[in-house]
């Protein structure tokens, strides 16, 4: 079936290798900066999860954001330095730290969501709902075909 489909393999691999997500992340990063938010798209993915469920383990954040432990440790270290999150020992298991939002981290939510929504609208300009639905279905299938 795929052999019958005429496609530009360079374009397909560019899309699948992250050029689109890299471009969106650059745009999101710029939009955050232009609006006075000193957070990165990576930090944004952690914040989204914590705004929904505060006080989680680092492993939960790794699973939710598809990041490995060393990357997540660096990310949380940076977010602690920016006073966005704090590590607090789990009362039930002192070996485990739970990641909690600080007041500063909580206060970013509304503005960050507004900027992210604006960025997404810019990225999806000229794409109708049917195209978006098909793209989402295709990318989901590719993800499940290739995930470990």
N, C-alpha and C. Protein backbone atom coordinates (compact mmCIF):
# COMPACT_ATOMS: atom_id res chain seq x y z
N UNK A 1 0.83 -1.20 0.00
CA UNK A 1 0.00 0.00 0.00
C UNK A 1 0.87 1.26 0.00
N UNK A 2 1.82 1.34 0.94
CA UNK A 2 2.66 2.54 1.04
C UNK A 2 3.50 2.74 -0.22
N UNK A 3 3.84 1.62 -0.92
CA UNK A 3 4.65 1.71 -2.13
C UNK A 3 3.92 2.48 -3.23
N UNK A 4 2.58 2.42 -3.22
CA UNK A 4 1.79 3.09 -4.24
C UNK A 4 1.67 4.59 -3.98
N UNK A 5 2.02 5.00 -2.79
CA UNK A 5 1.87 6.39 -2.40
C UNK A 5 3.12 7.16 -2.81
N UNK A 6 2.95 8.21 -3.62
CA UNK A 6 4.08 9.01 -4.06
C UNK A 6 4.35 10.08 -3.01
N UNK A 7 5.49 9.98 -2.32
CA UNK A 7 5.77 10.96 -1.28
C UNK A 7 7.23 11.38 -1.31
N UNK A 8 7.48 12.53 -0.74
CA UNK A 8 8.83 13.07 -0.63
C UNK A 8 9.42 12.54 0.68
N UNK A 9 10.29 11.57 0.59
CA UNK A 9 10.83 10.91 1.79
C UNK A 9 11.57 11.91 2.68
N UNK A 10 12.23 12.91 2.09
CA UNK A 10 12.93 13.92 2.91
C UNK A 10 11.94 14.72 3.74
N UNK A 11 10.82 15.07 3.13
CA UNK A 11 9.79 15.83 3.86
C UNK A 11 9.18 14.98 4.97
N UNK A 12 8.86 13.74 4.66
CA UNK A 12 8.27 12.85 5.67
C UNK A 12 9.22 12.71 6.86
N UNK A 13 10.50 12.43 6.60
CA UNK A 13 11.44 12.27 7.70
C UNK A 13 11.71 13.58 8.43
N UNK A 14 11.67 14.69 7.73
CA UNK A 14 11.83 15.98 8.41
C UNK A 14 10.69 16.20 9.38
N UNK A 15 9.47 15.88 8.96
CA UNK A 15 8.31 16.03 9.83
C UNK A 15 8.42 15.08 11.01
N UNK A 16 8.72 13.81 10.72
CA UNK A 16 8.75 12.80 11.76
C UNK A 16 9.97 12.93 12.68
N UNK A 17 11.03 13.55 12.20
CA UNK A 17 12.22 13.75 13.03
C UNK A 17 12.12 14.98 13.92
N UNK A 18 11.01 15.66 13.88
CA UNK A 18 10.81 16.72 14.84
C UNK A 18 10.96 18.13 14.33
N UNK A 19 11.08 18.32 13.02
CA UNK A 19 11.21 19.69 12.53
C UNK A 19 9.99 20.53 12.86
N UNK A 20 8.82 19.92 12.77
CA UNK A 20 7.60 20.66 13.07
C UNK A 20 7.56 21.01 14.56
N UNK A 21 7.82 20.02 15.41
CA UNK A 21 7.77 20.30 16.85
C UNK A 21 8.87 21.29 17.24
N UNK A 22 10.04 21.20 16.60
CA UNK A 22 11.11 22.16 16.89
C UNK A 22 10.69 23.58 16.50
N UNK A 23 10.03 23.70 15.36
CA UNK A 23 9.57 25.03 14.91
C UNK A 23 8.51 25.57 15.87
N UNK A 24 7.58 24.72 16.27
CA UNK A 24 6.54 25.15 17.21
C UNK A 24 7.17 25.53 18.55
N UNK A 25 8.14 24.74 19.02
CA UNK A 25 8.82 25.06 20.28
C UNK A 25 9.56 26.39 20.20
N UNK A 26 10.22 26.67 19.06
CA UNK A 26 10.89 27.97 18.90
C UNK A 26 9.88 29.11 18.97
N UNK A 27 8.74 28.92 18.29
CA UNK A 27 7.69 29.95 18.28
C UNK A 27 7.12 30.14 19.69
N UNK A 28 6.87 29.03 20.39
CA UNK A 28 6.36 29.11 21.76
C UNK A 28 7.36 29.80 22.67
N UNK A 29 8.63 29.45 22.55
CA UNK A 29 9.70 30.06 23.34
C UNK A 29 9.72 31.58 23.12
N UNK A 30 9.68 31.99 21.84
CA UNK A 30 9.66 33.43 21.50
C UNK A 30 8.43 34.11 22.07
N UNK A 31 7.27 33.47 21.92
CA UNK A 31 6.04 34.07 22.43
C UNK A 31 6.06 34.20 23.95
N UNK A 32 6.59 33.20 24.65
CA UNK A 32 6.73 33.31 26.10
C UNK A 32 7.61 34.51 26.44
N UNK A 33 8.78 34.62 25.79
CA UNK A 33 9.72 35.71 26.08
C UNK A 33 9.11 37.08 25.80
N UNK A 34 8.42 37.19 24.65
CA UNK A 34 7.82 38.48 24.29
C UNK A 34 6.76 38.91 25.28
N UNK A 35 6.22 37.97 26.03
CA UNK A 35 5.19 38.27 27.02
C UNK A 35 5.72 38.21 28.45
N UNK A 36 7.05 38.24 28.59
CA UNK A 36 7.66 38.34 29.91
C UNK A 36 7.70 37.04 30.70
N UNK A 37 7.44 35.90 30.07
CA UNK A 37 7.53 34.62 30.76
C UNK A 37 8.89 33.98 30.48
N UNK A 38 9.64 33.75 31.51
CA UNK A 38 10.98 33.16 31.36
C UNK A 38 10.92 31.65 31.55
N UNK A 39 10.09 30.99 30.73
CA UNK A 39 10.03 29.53 30.78
C UNK A 39 10.27 28.97 29.38
N UNK A 40 10.73 27.74 29.34
CA UNK A 40 10.97 27.07 28.07
C UNK A 40 9.79 26.16 27.73
N UNK A 41 9.67 25.73 26.48
CA UNK A 41 8.63 24.76 26.14
C UNK A 41 8.74 23.47 26.96
N UNK A 42 9.95 23.03 27.28
CA UNK A 42 10.12 21.84 28.12
C UNK A 42 9.54 22.08 29.51
N UNK A 43 9.82 23.24 30.07
CA UNK A 43 9.27 23.58 31.39
C UNK A 43 7.74 23.67 31.31
N UNK A 44 7.25 24.19 30.22
CA UNK A 44 5.81 24.30 30.00
C UNK A 44 5.15 22.93 30.09
N UNK A 45 5.76 21.89 29.48
CA UNK A 45 5.16 20.56 29.53
C UNK A 45 5.10 20.02 30.95
N UNK A 46 6.09 20.35 31.78
CA UNK A 46 6.07 19.95 33.19
C UNK A 46 5.01 20.74 33.95
N UNK A 47 4.96 22.03 33.70
CA UNK A 47 3.98 22.88 34.38
C UNK A 47 2.54 22.46 34.07
N UNK A 48 2.26 22.13 32.82
CA UNK A 48 0.91 21.69 32.44
C UNK A 48 0.49 20.51 33.31
N UNK A 49 1.40 19.55 33.46
CA UNK A 49 1.08 18.36 34.25
C UNK A 49 0.87 18.73 35.71
N UNK A 50 1.75 19.59 36.25
CA UNK A 50 1.64 19.96 37.66
C UNK A 50 0.41 20.82 37.95
N UNK A 51 -0.01 21.64 36.99
CA UNK A 51 -1.23 22.42 37.19
C UNK A 51 -2.43 21.51 37.31
N UNK A 52 -2.38 20.37 36.65
CA UNK A 52 -3.49 19.41 36.74
C UNK A 52 -3.36 18.52 37.96
N UNK A 53 -2.12 18.17 38.32
CA UNK A 53 -1.89 17.25 39.44
C UNK A 53 -0.59 17.64 40.13
N UNK A 54 -0.68 18.41 41.17
CA UNK A 54 0.49 18.90 41.90
C UNK A 54 0.97 17.83 42.89
N UNK A 55 2.27 17.83 43.16
CA UNK A 55 2.82 16.91 44.14
C UNK A 55 3.00 15.51 43.60
N UNK A 56 3.75 15.38 42.51
CA UNK A 56 3.97 14.08 41.88
C UNK A 56 5.45 13.71 41.94
N UNK A 57 5.72 12.44 41.68
CA UNK A 57 7.11 11.99 41.66
C UNK A 57 7.77 12.41 40.36
N UNK A 58 9.09 12.41 40.39
CA UNK A 58 9.85 12.73 39.18
C UNK A 58 9.55 11.69 38.10
N UNK A 59 9.38 10.44 38.49
CA UNK A 59 9.07 9.38 37.51
C UNK A 59 7.74 9.64 36.82
N UNK A 60 6.75 10.11 37.56
CA UNK A 60 5.46 10.44 36.94
C UNK A 60 5.64 11.54 35.89
N UNK A 61 6.48 12.52 36.20
CA UNK A 61 6.75 13.58 35.23
C UNK A 61 7.49 13.05 34.01
N UNK A 62 8.43 12.13 34.23
CA UNK A 62 9.14 11.50 33.11
C UNK A 62 8.15 10.79 32.19
N UNK A 63 7.27 10.01 32.79
CA UNK A 63 6.29 9.26 32.00
C UNK A 63 5.34 10.19 31.24
N UNK A 64 4.92 11.26 31.87
CA UNK A 64 3.96 12.18 31.27
C UNK A 64 4.57 13.00 30.13
N UNK A 65 5.88 13.27 30.22
CA UNK A 65 6.52 14.15 29.23
C UNK A 65 7.46 13.41 28.28
N UNK A 66 7.55 12.08 28.43
CA UNK A 66 8.43 11.25 27.59
C UNK A 66 9.90 11.65 27.71
N UNK A 67 10.31 12.05 28.89
CA UNK A 67 11.71 12.44 29.14
C UNK A 67 12.38 11.39 30.00
N UNK A 68 13.71 11.26 29.85
CA UNK A 68 14.44 10.33 30.71
C UNK A 68 14.75 11.01 32.04
N UNK A 69 15.18 10.20 33.01
CA UNK A 69 15.41 10.72 34.37
C UNK A 69 16.48 11.82 34.42
N UNK A 70 17.64 11.63 33.77
CA UNK A 70 18.66 12.70 33.84
C UNK A 70 18.15 14.03 33.27
N UNK A 71 17.41 13.97 32.15
CA UNK A 71 16.86 15.20 31.57
C UNK A 71 15.86 15.85 32.51
N UNK A 72 15.02 15.02 33.13
CA UNK A 72 14.01 15.55 34.04
C UNK A 72 14.69 16.15 35.29
N UNK A 73 15.74 15.51 35.77
CA UNK A 73 16.47 16.05 36.94
C UNK A 73 17.00 17.44 36.63
N UNK A 74 17.63 17.61 35.46
CA UNK A 74 18.16 18.93 35.06
C UNK A 74 17.03 19.94 34.93
N UNK A 75 15.93 19.51 34.34
CA UNK A 75 14.78 20.40 34.14
C UNK A 75 14.22 20.87 35.49
N UNK A 76 14.05 19.94 36.41
CA UNK A 76 13.51 20.29 37.74
C UNK A 76 14.52 21.16 38.50
N UNK A 77 15.81 20.85 38.39
CA UNK A 77 16.84 21.69 39.02
C UNK A 77 16.70 23.14 38.55
N UNK A 78 16.58 23.32 37.24
CA UNK A 78 16.42 24.67 36.68
C UNK A 78 15.13 25.33 37.15
N UNK A 79 14.07 24.56 37.21
CA UNK A 79 12.78 25.11 37.65
C UNK A 79 12.82 25.47 39.13
N UNK A 80 13.58 24.73 39.92
CA UNK A 80 13.75 25.08 41.33
C UNK A 80 14.52 26.40 41.46
N UNK A 81 15.57 26.55 40.64
CA UNK A 81 16.36 27.80 40.67
C UNK A 81 15.50 29.01 40.30
N UNK A 82 14.50 28.79 39.45
CA UNK A 82 13.60 29.86 39.04
C UNK A 82 12.41 30.00 39.99
N UNK A 83 12.41 29.20 41.05
CA UNK A 83 11.34 29.23 42.06
C UNK A 83 9.97 28.88 41.48
N UNK A 84 9.95 27.98 40.49
CA UNK A 84 8.69 27.52 39.91
C UNK A 84 8.18 26.26 40.62
N UNK A 85 9.12 25.42 41.06
CA UNK A 85 8.77 24.18 41.75
C UNK A 85 9.69 23.99 42.95
N UNK A 86 9.29 23.06 43.81
CA UNK A 86 10.11 22.70 44.96
C UNK A 86 9.99 21.19 45.16
N UNK A 87 11.10 20.58 45.56
CA UNK A 87 11.08 19.15 45.89
C UNK A 87 10.81 19.01 47.39
N UNK A 88 9.84 18.16 47.73
CA UNK A 88 9.50 17.91 49.13
C UNK A 88 9.50 16.41 49.34
N UNK A 89 10.15 15.96 50.40
CA UNK A 89 10.19 14.52 50.70
C UNK A 89 8.79 13.98 50.89
N UNK A 90 8.56 12.81 50.33
CA UNK A 90 7.29 12.10 50.50
C UNK A 90 7.20 11.62 51.95
N UNK A 91 6.13 11.97 52.62
CA UNK A 91 5.96 11.57 54.03
C UNK A 91 5.93 10.05 54.19
N UNK A 92 5.42 9.33 53.18
CA UNK A 92 5.32 7.88 53.24
C UNK A 92 6.60 7.16 52.84
N UNK A 93 7.47 7.85 52.09
CA UNK A 93 8.71 7.25 51.63
C UNK A 93 9.77 8.34 51.48
N UNK A 94 10.59 8.49 52.48
CA UNK A 94 11.59 9.57 52.52
C UNK A 94 12.59 9.51 51.36
N UNK A 95 12.69 8.34 50.71
CA UNK A 95 13.61 8.22 49.57
C UNK A 95 13.07 8.92 48.33
N UNK A 96 11.80 9.22 48.34
CA UNK A 96 11.13 9.81 47.17
C UNK A 96 10.82 11.27 47.43
N UNK A 97 11.12 12.09 46.44
CA UNK A 97 10.74 13.50 46.49
C UNK A 97 9.50 13.72 45.62
N UNK A 98 8.60 14.53 46.12
CA UNK A 98 7.44 14.93 45.34
C UNK A 98 7.70 16.34 44.82
N UNK A 99 7.33 16.57 43.57
CA UNK A 99 7.53 17.87 42.94
C UNK A 99 6.24 18.67 43.10
N UNK A 100 6.38 19.84 43.74
CA UNK A 100 5.23 20.72 43.99
C UNK A 100 5.46 22.07 43.32
N UNK A 101 4.39 22.67 42.87
CA UNK A 101 4.44 24.04 42.35
C UNK A 101 4.65 25.01 43.51
N UNK A 102 5.38 26.07 43.25
CA UNK A 102 5.48 27.17 44.20
C UNK A 102 4.37 28.17 43.85
N UNK A 103 4.24 29.18 44.67
CA UNK A 103 3.27 30.25 44.38
C UNK A 103 3.56 30.85 43.01
N UNK A 104 4.84 31.09 42.71
CA UNK A 104 5.25 31.65 41.41
C UNK A 104 4.83 30.73 40.28
N UNK A 105 5.06 29.42 40.44
CA UNK A 105 4.68 28.45 39.42
C UNK A 105 3.18 28.43 39.18
N UNK A 106 2.42 28.53 40.25
CA UNK A 106 0.96 28.53 40.14
C UNK A 106 0.46 29.79 39.44
N UNK A 107 1.11 30.91 39.72
CA UNK A 107 0.65 32.19 39.17
C UNK A 107 0.88 32.31 37.66
N UNK A 108 1.73 31.49 37.10
CA UNK A 108 2.02 31.54 35.66
C UNK A 108 0.91 30.93 34.80
N UNK A 109 0.07 30.10 35.43
CA UNK A 109 -0.84 29.25 34.66
C UNK A 109 -1.68 29.99 33.63
N UNK A 110 -2.42 30.98 34.05
CA UNK A 110 -3.36 31.65 33.13
C UNK A 110 -2.63 32.30 31.96
N UNK A 111 -1.58 33.06 32.26
CA UNK A 111 -0.82 33.74 31.20
C UNK A 111 -0.16 32.75 30.26
N UNK A 112 0.43 31.69 30.81
CA UNK A 112 1.11 30.69 29.98
C UNK A 112 0.11 29.97 29.06
N UNK A 113 -1.05 29.63 29.59
CA UNK A 113 -2.07 28.99 28.76
C UNK A 113 -2.51 29.90 27.62
N UNK A 114 -2.69 31.17 27.92
CA UNK A 114 -3.10 32.15 26.90
C UNK A 114 -2.06 32.21 25.78
N UNK A 115 -0.79 32.29 26.15
CA UNK A 115 0.29 32.39 25.16
C UNK A 115 0.40 31.09 24.37
N UNK A 116 0.30 29.95 25.02
CA UNK A 116 0.38 28.66 24.33
C UNK A 116 -0.78 28.50 23.35
N UNK A 117 -1.98 28.91 23.77
CA UNK A 117 -3.14 28.83 22.87
C UNK A 117 -2.95 29.72 21.65
N UNK A 118 -2.40 30.91 21.86
CA UNK A 118 -2.11 31.84 20.76
C UNK A 118 -1.10 31.20 19.80
N UNK A 119 -0.08 30.58 20.35
CA UNK A 119 0.95 29.93 19.53
C UNK A 119 0.35 28.79 18.72
N UNK A 120 -0.51 28.00 19.35
CA UNK A 120 -1.14 26.89 18.66
C UNK A 120 -2.03 27.40 17.52
N UNK A 121 -2.77 28.47 17.76
CA UNK A 121 -3.62 29.05 16.71
C UNK A 121 -2.76 29.51 15.54
N UNK A 122 -1.60 30.12 15.83
CA UNK A 122 -0.69 30.56 14.77
C UNK A 122 -0.18 29.36 13.97
N UNK A 123 0.16 28.28 14.67
CA UNK A 123 0.69 27.08 14.02
C UNK A 123 -0.37 26.40 13.16
N UNK A 124 -1.62 26.48 13.55
CA UNK A 124 -2.70 25.77 12.85
C UNK A 124 -3.44 26.65 11.84
N UNK A 125 -2.93 27.85 11.59
CA UNK A 125 -3.56 28.77 10.65
C UNK A 125 -3.74 28.10 9.29
N UNK A 126 -4.94 28.16 8.76
CA UNK A 126 -5.22 27.60 7.44
C UNK A 126 -5.49 26.10 7.43
N UNK A 127 -5.55 25.50 8.60
CA UNK A 127 -5.83 24.06 8.70
C UNK A 127 -7.24 23.90 9.25
N UNK A 128 -8.06 23.16 8.52
CA UNK A 128 -9.44 22.99 9.00
C UNK A 128 -9.54 21.80 9.96
N UNK A 129 -10.69 21.66 10.58
CA UNK A 129 -10.89 20.65 11.62
C UNK A 129 -10.69 19.24 11.06
N UNK A 130 -11.18 18.98 9.85
CA UNK A 130 -11.03 17.65 9.25
C UNK A 130 -9.56 17.32 9.01
N UNK A 131 -8.81 18.28 8.48
CA UNK A 131 -7.37 18.07 8.27
C UNK A 131 -6.65 17.81 9.59
N UNK A 132 -7.03 18.55 10.60
CA UNK A 132 -6.41 18.39 11.91
C UNK A 132 -6.73 17.02 12.49
N UNK A 133 -7.97 16.59 12.37
CA UNK A 133 -8.39 15.27 12.88
C UNK A 133 -7.61 14.15 12.17
N UNK A 134 -7.50 14.25 10.86
CA UNK A 134 -6.76 13.24 10.09
C UNK A 134 -5.29 13.24 10.50
N UNK A 135 -4.69 14.42 10.61
CA UNK A 135 -3.29 14.53 11.01
C UNK A 135 -3.06 13.91 12.39
N UNK A 136 -3.96 14.19 13.29
CA UNK A 136 -3.85 13.65 14.65
C UNK A 136 -3.93 12.12 14.62
N UNK A 137 -4.88 11.60 13.85
CA UNK A 137 -5.02 10.14 13.74
C UNK A 137 -3.77 9.50 13.14
N UNK A 138 -3.25 10.10 12.10
CA UNK A 138 -2.05 9.56 11.44
C UNK A 138 -0.85 9.60 12.38
N UNK A 139 -0.63 10.73 13.02
CA UNK A 139 0.51 10.85 13.93
C UNK A 139 0.38 9.90 15.13
N UNK A 140 -0.82 9.72 15.62
CA UNK A 140 -1.04 8.77 16.72
C UNK A 140 -0.66 7.36 16.27
N UNK A 141 -1.07 6.97 15.06
CA UNK A 141 -0.74 5.64 14.54
C UNK A 141 0.78 5.49 14.38
N UNK A 142 1.43 6.51 13.86
CA UNK A 142 2.89 6.45 13.69
C UNK A 142 3.56 6.32 15.06
N UNK A 143 3.08 7.08 16.02
CA UNK A 143 3.64 7.02 17.36
C UNK A 143 3.52 5.61 17.94
N UNK A 144 2.34 5.02 17.87
CA UNK A 144 2.14 3.67 18.42
C UNK A 144 2.91 2.61 17.64
N UNK A 145 3.10 2.83 16.32
CA UNK A 145 3.89 1.88 15.52
C UNK A 145 5.37 1.90 15.89
N UNK A 146 5.83 3.03 16.43
CA UNK A 146 7.27 3.18 16.65
C UNK A 146 7.69 3.29 18.11
N UNK A 147 6.73 3.41 19.02
CA UNK A 147 7.13 3.57 20.42
C UNK A 147 7.67 2.24 20.97
N UNK A 148 8.55 2.38 21.94
CA UNK A 148 9.18 1.18 22.53
C UNK A 148 8.24 0.42 23.41
